[in-house]
Structure formats: structure tokens, C-alpha cells
Amino acid sequence: MRNGARKNARGASGAVDVALYTTVSVDAVISDHPEVDWEQLRAVEKGRHSPLAPLRPEPAPA
């Protein structure tokens, strides 16, 4: 399976596309981003604002 592959799923409001990722690619996010406080992130309760929200992606190289 390639990262980001799509799978159709059935949600409460109908069919939705869900991105699928391998466990290896998800685990790599943690080591690729040591600046993130992962324990704080995991403790965010449902409906609360994510501490990642103010982060902006770096611009793509030209």
C-alpha cells in the first residue's frame, strides 16, 4: 500500500474518502518532528484546539 492511498468508507453522512498510511510512515512522523511535544499533543481532548494549529508548513523549495 502506498502512503496516502484512498479508501472509500461509510460515515454518518454518507461515503467519505479516507487516506491510508502505513504504520512505518506514521511512526516516522514522530522522529521527523522532534520540535513537537507529542505527549502534550496526545493529551488534547476531543473538540479542543490542537497545539499544532499555529504551525505553518515550510514553503516548498523553488
Protein backbone atom coordinates (compact mmCIF):
# COMPACT_ATOMS: atom_id res chain seq x y z
CA MET A 1 0.00 0.00 0.00
CA ARG A 2 1.37 3.40 -0.86
CA ASN A 3 1.11 6.22 1.64
CA GLY A 4 -1.95 8.39 1.24
CA ALA A 5 -3.86 5.80 -0.75
CA ARG A 6 -7.59 6.39 -0.60
CA LYS A 7 -10.26 4.03 0.60
CA ASN A 8 -13.99 4.63 0.49
CA ALA A 9 -15.67 4.40 3.88
CA ARG A 10 -19.21 4.93 5.04
CA GLY A 11 -19.71 7.76 7.51
CA ALA A 12 -22.85 9.06 9.20
CA SER A 13 -23.42 11.49 6.32
CA GLY A 14 -22.61 9.02 3.54
CA ALA A 15 -19.50 7.83 1.70
CA VAL A 16 -16.21 9.55 2.51
CA ASP A 17 -12.63 9.12 1.28
CA VAL A 18 -10.13 8.18 3.98
CA ALA A 19 -6.35 8.47 3.50
CA LEU A 20 -4.49 5.27 4.42
CA TYR A 21 -0.92 5.29 5.71
CA THR A 22 1.46 2.52 6.71
CA THR A 23 2.47 2.16 10.35
CA VAL A 24 6.09 2.85 9.37
CA SER A 25 5.19 6.17 7.75
CA VAL A 26 3.12 7.25 10.76
CA ASP A 27 5.91 6.26 13.19
CA ALA A 28 8.40 8.27 11.10
CA VAL A 29 6.44 11.47 11.76
CA ILE A 30 7.49 11.37 15.42
CA SER A 31 11.21 11.10 14.71
CA ASP A 32 10.98 13.61 11.85
CA HIS A 33 9.50 16.28 14.15
CA PRO A 34 11.37 16.44 17.47
CA GLU A 35 10.10 20.02 17.96
CA VAL A 36 6.61 18.69 18.71
CA ASP A 37 5.64 17.82 22.29
CA TRP A 38 3.96 14.51 21.42
CA GLU A 39 2.77 13.83 24.97
CA GLN A 40 1.00 17.21 25.05
CA LEU A 41 -0.47 16.52 21.63
CA ARG A 42 -1.78 13.10 22.68
CA ALA A 43 -3.42 14.66 25.75
CA VAL A 44 -5.61 17.04 23.72
CA GLU A 45 -9.22 16.18 24.40
CA LYS A 46 -11.85 15.75 21.72
CA GLY A 47 -13.16 19.09 20.50
CA ARG A 48 -10.18 21.05 21.85
CA HIS A 49 -7.88 23.19 19.69
CA SER A 50 -4.74 21.35 18.55
CA PRO A 51 -1.39 22.78 19.66
CA LEU A 52 -0.23 22.11 16.09
CA ALA A 53 -2.71 24.60 14.64
CA PRO A 54 -0.36 27.63 14.79
CA LEU A 55 2.43 25.76 12.98
CA ARG A 56 2.81 26.60 9.34
CA PRO A 57 4.31 24.23 6.78
CA GLU A 58 7.64 25.29 5.38
CA PRO A 59 7.43 26.64 1.83
CA ALA A 60 8.40 24.18 -0.86
CA PRO A 61 11.87 24.78 -2.35
CA ALA A 62 11.73 26.65 -5.66
